[in-house]
Amino acid sequence: MPIPAEKTSATLNLIDDKGGVTKSIPLFGATTFRIGRAESNDIPLGYSWVSRQHAMVQVETNGAYNIIDLGSSNGTFVNGKRIYTPVRLRSGDMIKIGRTPLVFLQEDEEITIAVLSEDDPDEKTVAFVNKVTVTVLICDIHGFTHLSEEIGDSRISDLLQIWSPMVSDIVRNHDGIVDKFLGDAVMAMWTEGQDVGRNILQALKTVLEISKATGNLNEKIPDLPAKLEIGAAINTGEAVMGNMGVDGQRDFTVVGDSVNVAFRLESLTDTAGGIDLIMGEETAAHLADVENHFTARKYDIKGKEEEIQTYNCSFAQLKHYLALNE
């Protein structure tokens, strides 16, 4: 277990609408404090606008406190500004977890930091986070809800048991990492350990191969009502990577604005309208001759004050582009 700090030197304080402190929460005895709606969090906030895993306060070995948004729906704010990457907290900083106001207070910069004993058997369960540049791929099977209603749960289960490992193999073959499957959707990532431009090309090749393999599933699962098609989005930017989770389950994942935007963009794909793939602006900036092969378009998406610049194409256009840029 973490060795407790010698004294309480930092607190998060819940504020009422008149500016008074209604509850003071000590930040000592651990190196991370998870904040969210679920009771299993270190700091549970039972409000509907608070995400189940909303934010995390992390203590550095030098006594500094950082706050990190964990991809929440309604955002984490420090002094009125929404944050997307880890932010160093200063005594007196005003924090909002969604609409819940708190103030961070730190009495003394010279504090004793909680550490793990060397023989702690639970050491592997302690959360760690790191800021990285990541290329995120989100893709899902179009019309999946309607398809489920037509063919039933049993055949949908058979389909996913084929599709999921097939997609995993394709991602790994292109040097990517599968972060998670969400039913008929997959989230994969390429981190900054490699060249960002190369990562993006690998992600594009992955998308094209997943599209082809998904379409071929009709041969393995006969009598499907229509050919299976996917939509996909790729976005590049800063994210927080770590082993974060609740209820005793800590999963290695990435969270942050770049991930949120990727999910939002994927929901805007439209195969019937010739938009199979949507890329974020940062992703497109690493590719050559984008203007001649992709269609520029701005979208208004939730959580963003300004429209997002994107570049989209059909899979046929993507195949042509990759053939010219091998």
C-alpha atoms as a PDB file:
ATOM      1  CA  MET A   1       0.000   0.000   0.000  1.00  0.00           C
ATOM      2  CA  PRO A   2       1.146   3.624  -0.464  1.00  0.00           C
ATOM      3  CA  ILE A   3       3.045   5.077   2.495  1.00  0.00           C
ATOM      4  CA  PRO A   4       0.877   7.931   3.862  1.00  0.00           C
ATOM      5  CA  ALA A   5       2.182  11.473   3.630  1.00  0.00           C
ATOM      6  CA  GLU A   6       3.179  12.968   6.987  1.00  0.00           C
ATOM      7  CA  LYS A   7       0.550  15.658   6.773  1.00  0.00           C
ATOM      8  CA  THR A   8      -2.290  16.910   4.638  1.00  0.00           C
ATOM      9  CA  SER A   9      -0.729  19.602   2.477  1.00  0.00           C
ATOM     10  CA  ALA A  10      -3.173  19.770  -0.435  1.00  0.00           C
ATOM     11  CA  THR A  11      -6.952  19.595  -0.674  1.00  0.00           C
ATOM     12  CA  LEU A  12      -9.773  19.790  -3.185  1.00  0.00           C
ATOM     13  CA  ASN A  13     -12.639  21.814  -1.791  1.00  0.00           C
ATOM     14  CA  LEU A  14     -16.237  21.657  -3.000  1.00  0.00           C
ATOM     15  CA  ILE A  15     -17.736  25.139  -3.393  1.00  0.00           C
ATOM     16  CA  ASP A  16     -21.380  26.149  -3.090  1.00  0.00           C
ATOM     17  CA  ASP A  17     -23.111  28.825  -5.186  1.00  0.00           C
ATOM     18  CA  LYS A  18     -22.118  31.487  -2.631  1.00  0.00           C
ATOM     19  CA  GLY A  19     -18.431  30.592  -2.734  1.00  0.00           C
ATOM     20  CA  GLY A  20     -18.380  28.745   0.574  1.00  0.00           C
ATOM     21  CA  VAL A  21     -16.552  25.453   1.139  1.00  0.00           C
ATOM     22  CA  THR A  22     -19.018  22.590   1.711  1.00  0.00           C
ATOM     23  CA  LYS A  23     -16.497  19.741   1.792  1.00  0.00           C
ATOM     24  CA  SER A  24     -12.692  19.508   1.954  1.00  0.00           C
ATOM     25  CA  ILE A  25     -11.074  16.446   0.365  1.00  0.00           C
ATOM     26  CA  PRO A  26      -7.461  15.712   1.410  1.00  0.00           C
ATOM     27  CA  LEU A  27      -5.007  14.728  -1.306  1.00  0.00           C
ATOM     28  CA  PHE A  28      -2.490  12.565   0.497  1.00  0.00           C
ATOM     29  CA  GLY A  29      -1.673   8.902   1.031  1.00  0.00           C
ATOM     30  CA  ALA A  30      -1.559   8.051  -2.680  1.00  0.00           C
ATOM     31  CA  THR A  31       0.029   9.213  -5.928  1.00  0.00           C
ATOM     32  CA  THR A  32      -3.191   9.397  -7.959  1.00  0.00           C
ATOM     33  CA  PHE A  33      -6.773  10.383  -7.155  1.00  0.00           C
ATOM     34  CA  ARG A  34      -9.503   9.410  -9.609  1.00  0.00           C
ATOM     35  CA  ILE A  35     -12.555  11.669  -9.847  1.00  0.00           C
ATOM     36  CA  GLY A  36     -15.852  10.491 -11.309  1.00  0.00           C
ATOM     37  CA  ARG A  37     -19.508   9.659 -10.828  1.00  0.00           C
ATOM     38  CA  ALA A  38     -18.944   6.039  -9.757  1.00  0.00           C
ATOM     39  CA  GLU A  39     -18.600   5.387  -6.021  1.00  0.00           C
ATOM     40  CA  SER A  40     -15.458   3.352  -6.711  1.00  0.00           C
ATOM     41  CA  ASN A  41     -13.508   6.514  -7.583  1.00  0.00           C
ATOM     42  CA  ASP A  42     -11.158   8.018  -5.019  1.00  0.00           C
ATOM     43  CA  ILE A  43     -13.247  11.207  -5.188  1.00  0.00           C
ATOM     44  CA  PRO A  44     -16.843  10.285  -6.136  1.00  0.00           C
ATOM     45  CA  LEU A  45     -19.053  13.120  -7.364  1.00  0.00           C
ATOM     46  CA  GLY A  46     -22.589  11.864  -7.806  1.00  0.00           C
ATOM     47  CA  TYR A  47     -23.848  14.323 -10.400  1.00  0.00           C
ATOM     48  CA  SER A  48     -25.357  13.433 -13.773  1.00  0.00           C
ATOM     49  CA  TRP A  49     -22.977  15.778 -15.612  1.00  0.00           C
ATOM     50  CA  VAL A  50     -19.914  14.025 -14.155  1.00  0.00           C
ATOM     51  CA  SER A  51     -18.567  11.147 -16.262  1.00  0.00           C
ATOM     52  CA  ARG A  52     -17.955   7.748 -14.686  1.00  0.00           C
ATOM     53  CA  GLN A  53     -14.222   8.300 -15.210  1.00  0.00           C
ATOM     54  CA  HIS A  54     -13.960  12.076 -15.440  1.00  0.00           C
ATOM     55  CA  ALA A  55     -10.542  13.310 -14.301  1.00  0.00           C
ATOM     56  CA  MET A  56      -7.462  12.378 -12.309  1.00  0.00           C
ATOM     57  CA  VAL A  57      -5.179  14.314  -9.965  1.00  0.00           C
ATOM     58  CA  GLN A  58      -1.618  13.001 -10.088  1.00  0.00           C
ATOM     59  CA  VAL A  59       1.148  13.777  -7.571  1.00  0.00           C
ATOM     60  CA  GLU A  60       4.691  14.134  -8.940  1.00  0.00           C
ATOM     61  CA  THR A  61       7.759  13.119  -6.945  1.00  0.00           C
ATOM     62  CA  ASN A  62       8.675  16.808  -6.521  1.00  0.00           C
ATOM     63  CA  GLY A  63       5.369  17.565  -4.783  1.00  0.00           C
ATOM     64  CA  ALA A  64       3.608  19.101  -7.780  1.00  0.00           C
ATOM     65  CA  TYR A  65      -0.039  18.257  -8.444  1.00  0.00           C
ATOM     66  CA  ASN A  66      -1.370  17.838 -11.982  1.00  0.00           C
ATOM     67  CA  ILE A  67      -4.975  17.414 -13.108  1.00  0.00           C
ATOM     68  CA  ILE A  68      -5.803  15.350 -16.190  1.00  0.00           C
ATOM     69  CA  ASP A  69      -9.114  15.041 -18.018  1.00  0.00           C
ATOM     70  CA  LEU A  70      -9.914  11.416 -18.842  1.00  0.00           C
ATOM     71  CA  GLY A  71     -11.942  12.034 -21.982  1.00  0.00           C
ATOM     72  CA  SER A  72     -15.029  13.268 -20.121  1.00  0.00           C
ATOM     73  CA  SER A  73     -18.194  14.326 -21.946  1.00  0.00           C
ATOM     74  CA  ASN A  74     -18.706  17.649 -20.167  1.00  0.00           C
ATOM     75  CA  GLY A  75     -15.077  18.617 -19.682  1.00  0.00           C
ATOM     76  CA  THR A  76     -12.649  19.571 -16.939  1.00  0.00           C
ATOM     77  CA  PHE A  77     -11.903  23.271 -16.513  1.00  0.00           C
ATOM     78  CA  VAL A  78      -9.085  25.086 -14.705  1.00  0.00           C
ATOM     79  CA  ASN A  79      -9.652  28.800 -14.099  1.00  0.00           C
ATOM     80  CA  GLY A  80     -12.415  28.835 -16.699  1.00  0.00           C
ATOM     81  CA  LYS A  81     -10.416  27.122 -19.468  1.00  0.00           C
ATOM     82  CA  ARG A  82     -11.207  23.616 -20.639  1.00  0.00           C
ATOM     83  CA  ILE A  83      -8.157  21.363 -20.457  1.00  0.00           C
ATOM     84  CA  TYR A  84      -7.149  18.587 -22.843  1.00  0.00           C
ATOM     85  CA  THR A  85      -3.633  17.807 -21.576  1.00  0.00           C
ATOM     86  CA  PRO A  86      -2.201  17.554 -18.021  1.00  0.00           C
ATOM     87  CA  VAL A  87      -2.195  20.923 -16.209  1.00  0.00           C
ATOM     88  CA  ARG A  88      -0.052  21.847 -13.187  1.00  0.00           C
ATOM     89  CA  LEU A  89      -2.229  22.999 -10.302  1.00  0.00           C
ATOM     90  CA  ARG A  90      -1.412  26.076  -8.220  1.00  0.00           C
ATOM     91  CA  SER A  91      -2.912  26.869  -4.841  1.00  0.00           C
ATOM     92  CA  GLY A  92      -6.132  28.788  -5.386  1.00  0.00           C
ATOM     93  CA  ASP A  93      -6.871  27.361  -8.841  1.00  0.00           C
ATOM     94  CA  MET A  94     -10.598  27.080  -9.570  1.00  0.00           C
ATOM     95  CA  ILE A  95     -11.599  23.726 -11.052  1.00  0.00           C
ATOM     96  CA  LYS A  96     -14.861  22.588 -12.587  1.00  0.00           C
ATOM     97  CA  ILE A  97     -15.667  18.908 -13.067  1.00  0.00           C
ATOM     98  CA  GLY A  98     -18.462  19.372 -15.569  1.00  0.00           C
ATOM     99  CA  ARG A  99     -20.567  21.879 -13.645  1.00  0.00           C
ATOM    100  CA  THR A 100     -19.219  20.999 -10.176  1.00  0.00           C
ATOM    101  CA  PRO A 101     -16.934  23.757  -8.794  1.00  0.00           C
ATOM    102  CA  LEU A 102     -13.902  23.033  -6.605  1.00  0.00           C
ATOM    103  CA  VAL A 103     -10.861  24.963  -5.480  1.00  0.00           C
ATOM    104  CA  PHE A 104      -7.382  23.455  -5.116  1.00  0.00           C
ATOM    105  CA  LEU A 105      -5.412  24.528  -2.051  1.00  0.00           C
ATOM    106  CA  GLN A 106      -1.822  23.597  -1.246  1.00  0.00           C
ATOM    107  CA  GLU A 107      -0.360  24.736   2.054  1.00  0.00           C
ATOM    108  CA  ASP A 108       3.316  23.990   1.561  1.00  0.00           C
ATOM    109  CA  GLU A 109       5.459  23.265  -1.495  1.00  0.00           C
ATOM    110  CA  GLU A 110       7.904  21.272   0.679  1.00  0.00           C
ATOM    111  CA  ILE A 111       5.801  18.165   1.271  1.00  0.00           C
ATOM    112  CA  THR A 112       6.414  14.477   1.801  1.00  0.00           C
ATOM    113  CA  ILE A 113       5.184  12.548  -1.219  1.00  0.00           C
ATOM    114  CA  ALA A 114       3.448   9.213  -0.916  1.00  0.00           C
ATOM    115  CA  VAL A 115       5.585   6.401  -2.348  1.00  0.00           C
ATOM    116  CA  LEU A 116       5.267   2.659  -2.751  1.00  0.00           C
ATOM    117  CA  SER A 117       7.237   0.289  -0.558  1.00  0.00           C
ATOM    118  CA  GLU A 118       9.494  -1.977  -2.598  1.00  0.00           C
ATOM    119  CA  ASP A 119       7.722  -5.117  -1.410  1.00  0.00           C
ATOM    120  CA  ASP A 120       4.229  -3.825  -2.128  1.00  0.00           C
ATOM    121  CA  PRO A 121       2.386  -6.663  -3.926  1.00  0.00           C
ATOM    122  CA  ASP A 122      -0.149  -4.191  -5.369  1.00  0.00           C
ATOM    123  CA  GLU A 123       2.439  -1.941  -7.002  1.00  0.00           C
ATOM    124  CA  LYS A 124       1.309  -2.914 -10.485  1.00  0.00           C
ATOM    125  CA  THR A 125      -2.182  -1.542  -9.782  1.00  0.00           C
ATOM    126  CA  VAL A 126      -1.029   2.046  -9.283  1.00  0.00           C
ATOM    127  CA  ALA A 127      -2.058   4.276 -12.170  1.00  0.00           C
ATOM    128  CA  PHE A 128       0.502   6.077 -14.285  1.00  0.00           C
ATOM    129  CA  VAL A 129      -0.018   8.517 -17.102  1.00  0.00           C
ATOM    130  CA  ASN A 130       2.114  10.070 -19.793  1.00  0.00           C
ATOM    131  CA  LYS A 131       1.426  12.671 -22.482  1.00  0.00           C
ATOM    132  CA  VAL A 132       2.055  11.403 -26.022  1.00  0.00           C
ATOM    133  CA  THR A 133       1.386  12.255 -29.637  1.00  0.00           C
ATOM    134  CA  VAL A 134      -0.942   9.618 -30.992  1.00  0.00           C
ATOM    135  CA  THR A 135      -2.707   8.774 -34.248  1.00  0.00           C
ATOM    136  CA  VAL A 136      -6.110   7.305 -33.429  1.00  0.00           C
ATOM    137  CA  LEU A 137      -8.206   5.187 -35.794  1.00  0.00           C
ATOM    138  CA  ILE A 138     -11.899   4.590 -35.146  1.00  0.00           C
ATOM    139  CA  CYS A 139     -13.943   2.414 -37.485  1.00  0.00           C
ATOM    140  CA  ASP A 140     -17.252   0.617 -37.227  1.00  0.00           C
ATOM    141  CA  ILE A 141     -19.643  -1.455 -39.309  1.00  0.00           C
ATOM    142  CA  HIS A 142     -22.316   0.741 -40.879  1.00  0.00           C
ATOM    143  CA  GLY A 143     -25.966  -0.059 -40.268  1.00  0.00           C
ATOM    144  CA  PHE A 144     -25.113  -2.425 -37.436  1.00  0.00           C
ATOM    145  CA  THR A 145     -28.243  -1.778 -35.346  1.00  0.00           C
ATOM    146  CA  HIS A 146     -30.537  -2.482 -38.291  1.00  0.00           C
ATOM    147  CA  LEU A 147     -28.466  -5.538 -39.215  1.00  0.00           C
ATOM    148  CA  SER A 148     -28.810  -6.892 -35.651  1.00  0.00           C
ATOM    149  CA  GLU A 149     -32.575  -6.593 -35.850  1.00  0.00           C
ATOM    150  CA  GLU A 150     -32.644  -8.443 -39.178  1.00  0.00           C
ATOM    151  CA  ILE A 151     -30.387 -11.415 -38.465  1.00  0.00           C
ATOM    152  CA  GLY A 152     -30.665 -11.782 -34.666  1.00  0.00           C
ATOM    153  CA  ASP A 153     -28.243 -11.913 -31.752  1.00  0.00           C
ATOM    154  CA  SER A 154     -26.815 -15.354 -32.483  1.00  0.00           C
ATOM    155  CA  ARG A 155     -25.643 -14.531 -36.005  1.00  0.00           C
ATOM    156  CA  ILE A 156     -24.416 -11.092 -34.912  1.00  0.00           C
ATOM    157  CA  SER A 157     -22.307 -12.822 -32.276  1.00  0.00           C
ATOM    158  CA  ASP A 158     -20.899 -15.153 -34.954  1.00  0.00           C
ATOM    159  CA  LEU A 159     -20.111 -12.144 -37.132  1.00  0.00           C
ATOM    160  CA  LEU A 160     -18.244 -10.291 -34.375  1.00  0.00           C
ATOM    161  CA  GLN A 161     -16.319 -13.414 -33.391  1.00  0.00           C
ATOM    162  CA  ILE A 162     -14.912 -13.436 -36.919  1.00  0.00           C
ATOM    163  CA  TRP A 163     -14.591  -9.667 -37.405  1.00  0.00           C
ATOM    164  CA  SER A 164     -12.850  -8.722 -34.142  1.00  0.00           C
ATOM    165  CA  PRO A 165      -9.805 -11.065 -34.332  1.00  0.00           C
ATOM    166  CA  MET A 166      -9.532 -10.366 -38.056  1.00  0.00           C
ATOM    167  CA  VAL A 167      -9.346  -6.607 -37.386  1.00  0.00           C
ATOM    168  CA  SER A 168      -6.851  -7.158 -34.539  1.00  0.00           C
ATOM    169  CA  ASP A 169      -4.529  -9.040 -36.890  1.00  0.00           C
ATOM    170  CA  ILE A 170      -4.756  -6.302 -39.519  1.00  0.00           C
ATOM    171  CA  VAL A 171      -3.921  -3.568 -36.986  1.00  0.00           C
ATOM    172  CA  ARG A 172      -0.943  -5.503 -35.601  1.00  0.00           C
ATOM    173  CA  ASN A 173       0.337  -6.253 -39.109  1.00  0.00           C
ATOM    174  CA  HIS A 174       0.540  -2.495 -39.658  1.00  0.00           C
ATOM    175  CA  ASP A 175       2.402  -1.821 -36.374  1.00  0.00           C
ATOM    176  CA  GLY A 176      -0.669  -0.509 -34.552  1.00  0.00           C
ATOM    177  CA  ILE A 177      -2.180  -1.304 -31.167  1.00  0.00           C
ATOM    178  CA  VAL A 178      -5.827  -2.219 -30.623  1.00  0.00           C
ATOM    179  CA  ASP A 179      -6.988  -0.111 -27.688  1.00  0.00           C
ATOM    180  CA  LYS A 180     -10.484  -1.555 -27.423  1.00  0.00           C
ATOM    181  CA  PHE A 181     -13.510  -3.001 -29.218  1.00  0.00           C
ATOM    182  CA  LEU A 182     -16.886  -1.379 -28.600  1.00  0.00           C
ATOM    183  CA  GLY A 183     -19.350  -3.813 -30.126  1.00  0.00           C
ATOM    184  CA  ASP A 184     -19.059  -3.286 -33.875  1.00  0.00           C
ATOM    185  CA  ALA A 185     -16.404  -0.561 -33.503  1.00  0.00           C
ATOM    186  CA  VAL A 186     -12.658  -0.693 -32.963  1.00  0.00           C
ATOM    187  CA  MET A 187     -10.267   1.928 -31.609  1.00  0.00           C
ATOM    188  CA  ALA A 188      -6.644   1.489 -32.650  1.00  0.00           C
ATOM    189  CA  MET A 189      -3.630   3.729 -32.160  1.00  0.00           C
ATOM    190  CA  TRP A 190      -0.114   4.463 -33.311  1.00  0.00           C
ATOM    191  CA  THR A 191       2.075   6.325 -30.804  1.00  0.00           C
ATOM    192  CA  GLU A 192       4.980   8.719 -31.175  1.00  0.00           C
ATOM    193  CA  GLY A 193       7.556   5.949 -30.767  1.00  0.00           C
ATOM    194  CA  GLN A 194       7.691   5.916 -34.550  1.00  0.00           C
ATOM    195  CA  ASP A 195       7.649   8.652 -37.185  1.00  0.00           C
ATOM    196  CA  VAL A 196       4.232  10.367 -37.118  1.00  0.00           C
ATOM    197  CA  GLY A 197       3.970  10.486 -40.920  1.00  0.00           C
ATOM    198  CA  ARG A 198       4.741   6.781 -41.166  1.00  0.00           C
ATOM    199  CA  ASN A 199       2.201   6.043 -38.429  1.00  0.00           C
ATOM    200  CA  ILE A 200      -0.497   7.836 -40.406  1.00  0.00           C
ATOM    201  CA  LEU A 201       0.297   5.936 -43.601  1.00  0.00           C
ATOM    202  CA  GLN A 202       0.108   2.686 -41.630  1.00  0.00           C
ATOM    203  CA  ALA A 203      -3.276   3.759 -40.253  1.00  0.00           C
ATOM    204  CA  LEU A 204      -4.520   4.525 -43.790  1.00  0.00           C
ATOM    205  CA  LYS A 205      -3.376   1.116 -45.033  1.00  0.00           C
ATOM    206  CA  THR A 206      -5.089  -0.477 -42.039  1.00  0.00           C
ATOM    207  CA  VAL A 207      -8.387   1.238 -42.874  1.00  0.00           C
ATOM    208  CA  LEU A 208      -8.297   0.063 -46.473  1.00  0.00           C
ATOM    209  CA  GLU A 209      -7.500  -3.521 -45.496  1.00  0.00           C
ATOM    210  CA  ILE A 210     -10.240  -3.592 -42.826  1.00  0.00           C
ATOM    211  CA  SER A 211     -12.721  -2.294 -45.391  1.00  0.00           C
ATOM    212  CA  LYS A 212     -11.821  -5.004 -47.887  1.00  0.00           C
ATOM    213  CA  ALA A 213     -11.818  -7.794 -45.292  1.00  0.00           C
ATOM    214  CA  THR A 214     -15.165  -6.648 -43.853  1.00  0.00           C
ATOM    215  CA  GLY A 215     -16.744  -6.679 -47.296  1.00  0.00           C
ATOM    216  CA  ASN A 216     -15.495 -10.230 -47.809  1.00  0.00           C
ATOM    217  CA  LEU A 217     -17.297 -11.456 -44.676  1.00  0.00           C
ATOM    218  CA  ASN A 218     -20.410 -11.971 -46.792  1.00  0.00           C
ATOM    219  CA  GLU A 219     -18.652 -15.028 -48.216  1.00  0.00           C
ATOM    220  CA  LYS A 220     -18.065 -16.481 -44.715  1.00  0.00           C
ATOM    221  CA  ILE A 221     -21.507 -15.592 -43.348  1.00  0.00           C
ATOM    222  CA  PRO A 222     -24.027 -16.386 -46.096  1.00  0.00           C
ATOM    223  CA  ASP A 223     -27.444 -14.793 -46.479  1.00  0.00           C
ATOM    224  CA  LEU A 224     -26.512 -11.447 -44.976  1.00  0.00           C
ATOM    225  CA  PRO A 225     -29.078  -8.898 -46.218  1.00  0.00           C
ATOM    226  CA  ALA A 226     -26.422  -6.563 -47.711  1.00  0.00           C
ATOM    227  CA  LYS A 227     -22.705  -6.224 -48.205  1.00  0.00           C
ATOM    228  CA  LEU A 228     -20.954  -5.143 -45.001  1.00  0.00           C
ATOM    229  CA  GLU A 229     -19.327  -1.711 -45.112  1.00  0.00           C
ATOM    230  CA  ILE A 230     -17.369   0.347 -42.595  1.00  0.00           C
ATOM    231  CA  GLY A 231     -16.826   4.028 -41.883  1.00  0.00           C
ATOM    232  CA  ALA A 232     -13.592   5.327 -40.373  1.00  0.00           C
ATOM    233  CA  ALA A 233     -11.908   8.387 -38.903  1.00  0.00           C
ATOM    234  CA  ILE A 234      -8.263   9.123 -38.195  1.00  0.00           C
ATOM    235  CA  ASN A 235      -7.116  11.922 -35.924  1.00  0.00           C
ATOM    236  CA  THR A 236      -3.655  12.904 -34.678  1.00  0.00           C
ATOM    237  CA  GLY A 237      -2.754  14.950 -31.623  1.00  0.00           C
ATOM    238  CA  GLU A 238      -1.740  14.960 -27.986  1.00  0.00           C
ATOM    239  CA  ALA A 239      -3.373  12.487 -25.607  1.00  0.00           C
ATOM    240  CA  VAL A 240      -2.828  11.060 -22.151  1.00  0.00           C
ATOM    241  CA  MET A 241      -1.669   7.435 -22.117  1.00  0.00           C
ATOM    242  CA  GLY A 242      -1.730   5.256 -19.044  1.00  0.00           C
ATOM    243  CA  ASN A 243      -3.268   2.396 -17.090  1.00  0.00           C
ATOM    244  CA  MET A 244      -6.462   4.096 -15.986  1.00  0.00           C
ATOM    245  CA  GLY A 245      -9.668   2.550 -14.725  1.00  0.00           C
ATOM    246  CA  VAL A 246     -12.119   2.056 -11.892  1.00  0.00           C
ATOM    247  CA  ASP A 247     -13.565  -0.809  -9.838  1.00  0.00           C
ATOM    248  CA  GLY A 248     -10.105  -2.337  -9.481  1.00  0.00           C
ATOM    249  CA  GLN A 249      -9.735  -2.707 -13.245  1.00  0.00           C
ATOM    250  CA  ARG A 250      -6.952  -0.602 -14.746  1.00  0.00           C
ATOM    251  CA  ASP A 251      -6.765  -0.741 -18.524  1.00  0.00           C
ATOM    252  CA  PHE A 252      -3.932   0.647 -20.612  1.00  0.00           C
ATOM    253  CA  THR A 253      -5.523   3.250 -22.859  1.00  0.00           C
ATOM    254  CA  VAL A 254      -5.284   6.758 -24.289  1.00  0.00           C
ATOM    255  CA  VAL A 255      -7.741   9.546 -23.523  1.00  0.00           C
ATOM    256  CA  GLY A 256      -8.064  13.190 -24.430  1.00  0.00           C
ATOM    257  CA  ASP A 257      -9.370  15.636 -26.988  1.00  0.00           C
ATOM    258  CA  SER A 258      -7.723  13.968 -29.987  1.00  0.00           C
ATOM    259  CA  VAL A 259      -9.473  10.701 -29.113  1.00  0.00           C
ATOM    260  CA  ASN A 260     -12.834  12.403 -28.528  1.00  0.00           C
ATOM    261  CA  VAL A 261     -12.614  14.176 -31.888  1.00  0.00           C
ATOM    262  CA  ALA A 262     -11.819  10.908 -33.681  1.00  0.00           C
ATOM    263  CA  PHE A 263     -15.021   9.332 -32.319  1.00  0.00           C
ATOM    264  CA  ARG A 264     -17.077  12.396 -33.288  1.00  0.00           C
ATOM    265  CA  LEU A 265     -15.676  12.406 -36.831  1.00  0.00           C
ATOM    266  CA  GLU A 266     -16.319   8.713 -37.374  1.00  0.00           C
ATOM    267  CA  SER A 267     -19.989   9.243 -36.560  1.00  0.00           C
ATOM    268  CA  LEU A 268     -20.146  11.698 -39.494  1.00  0.00           C
ATOM    269  CA  THR A 269     -19.003   9.239 -42.166  1.00  0.00           C
ATOM    270  CA  ASP A 270     -21.532   8.587 -44.906  1.00  0.00           C
ATOM    271  CA  THR A 271     -20.892   5.721 -47.305  1.00  0.00           C
ATOM    272  CA  ALA A 272     -23.923   6.616 -49.421  1.00  0.00           C
ATOM    273  CA  GLY A 273     -22.527  10.125 -49.808  1.00  0.00           C
ATOM    274  CA  GLY A 274     -19.045   8.912 -50.735  1.00  0.00           C
ATOM    275  CA  ILE A 275     -17.487   9.763 -47.347  1.00  0.00           C
ATOM    276  CA  ASP A 276     -15.923   6.534 -46.080  1.00  0.00           C
ATOM    277  CA  LEU A 277     -13.004   8.154 -44.263  1.00  0.00           C
ATOM    278  CA  ILE A 278     -12.650  11.467 -42.412  1.00  0.00           C
ATOM    279  CA  MET A 279      -9.240  12.733 -41.297  1.00  0.00           C
ATOM    280  CA  GLY A 280      -8.464  15.517 -38.849  1.00  0.00           C
ATOM    281  CA  GLU A 281      -6.392  18.507 -39.938  1.00  0.00           C
ATOM    282  CA  GLU A 282      -3.289  17.455 -37.988  1.00  0.00           C
ATOM    283  CA  THR A 283      -3.385  14.037 -39.645  1.00  0.00           C
ATOM    284  CA  ALA A 284      -3.674  15.548 -43.128  1.00  0.00           C
ATOM    285  CA  ALA A 285      -0.776  17.924 -42.411  1.00  0.00           C
ATOM    286  CA  HIS A 286       1.617  14.951 -42.416  1.00  0.00           C
ATOM    287  CA  LEU A 287       0.494  13.720 -45.849  1.00  0.00           C
ATOM    288  CA  ALA A 288       1.651  14.834 -49.289  1.00  0.00           C
ATOM    289  CA  ASP A 289      -0.643  16.292 -51.961  1.00  0.00           C
ATOM    290  CA  VAL A 290      -3.725  16.133 -49.748  1.00  0.00           C
ATOM    291  CA  GLU A 291      -5.677  18.825 -51.589  1.00  0.00           C
ATOM    292  CA  ASN A 292      -5.685  16.861 -54.866  1.00  0.00           C
ATOM    293  CA  HIS A 293      -6.945  13.601 -53.379  1.00  0.00           C
ATOM    294  CA  PHE A 294      -9.163  14.488 -50.414  1.00  0.00           C
ATOM    295  CA  THR A 295     -12.119  16.826 -49.994  1.00  0.00           C
ATOM    296  CA  ALA A 296     -11.679  19.597 -47.426  1.00  0.00           C
ATOM    297  CA  ARG A 297     -14.705  20.156 -45.214  1.00  0.00           C
ATOM    298  CA  LYS A 298     -15.432  21.796 -41.866  1.00  0.00           C
ATOM    299  CA  TYR A 299     -17.702  20.201 -39.272  1.00  0.00           C
ATOM    300  CA  ASP A 300     -19.348  21.616 -36.177  1.00  0.00           C
ATOM    301  CA  ILE A 301     -18.866  18.976 -33.478  1.00  0.00           C
ATOM    302  CA  LYS A 302     -19.894  18.777 -29.846  1.00  0.00           C
ATOM    303  CA  GLY A 303     -17.385  20.170 -27.358  1.00  0.00           C
ATOM    304  CA  LYS A 304     -15.678  22.483 -29.858  1.00  0.00           C
ATOM    305  CA  GLU A 305     -16.334  26.217 -30.057  1.00  0.00           C
ATOM    306  CA  GLU A 306     -15.076  26.442 -33.651  1.00  0.00           C
ATOM    307  CA  GLU A 307     -15.659  24.208 -36.643  1.00  0.00           C
ATOM    308  CA  ILE A 308     -13.139  21.400 -37.207  1.00  0.00           C
ATOM    309  CA  GLN A 309     -11.237  21.316 -40.487  1.00  0.00           C
ATOM    310  CA  THR A 310     -11.224  17.824 -41.972  1.00  0.00           C
ATOM    311  CA  TYR A 311     -10.324  15.975 -45.167  1.00  0.00           C
ATOM    312  CA  ASN A 312     -12.506  13.130 -46.410  1.00  0.00           C
ATOM    313  CA  CYS A 313     -12.612  10.580 -49.208  1.00  0.00           C
ATOM    314  CA  SER A 314     -14.104   7.311 -50.382  1.00  0.00           C
ATOM    315  CA  PHE A 315     -12.131   4.090 -50.007  1.00  0.00           C
ATOM    316  CA  ALA A 316     -11.660   4.007 -53.780  1.00  0.00           C
ATOM    317  CA  GLN A 317     -10.002   7.432 -53.602  1.00  0.00           C
ATOM    318  CA  LEU A 318      -7.883   6.285 -50.665  1.00  0.00           C
ATOM    319  CA  LYS A 319      -6.715   3.211 -52.606  1.00  0.00           C
ATOM    320  CA  HIS A 320      -5.678   5.457 -55.508  1.00  0.00           C
ATOM    321  CA  TYR A 321      -3.836   7.829 -53.164  1.00  0.00           C
ATOM    322  CA  LEU A 322      -1.887   5.064 -51.457  1.00  0.00           C
ATOM    323  CA  ALA A 323      -0.921   3.531 -54.799  1.00  0.00           C
ATOM    324  CA  LEU A 324       0.652   6.872 -55.773  1.00  0.00           C
ATOM    325  CA  ASN A 325       2.403   7.371 -52.420  1.00  0.00           C
ATOM    326  CA  GLU A 326       3.957   3.982 -51.717  1.00  0.00           C
END
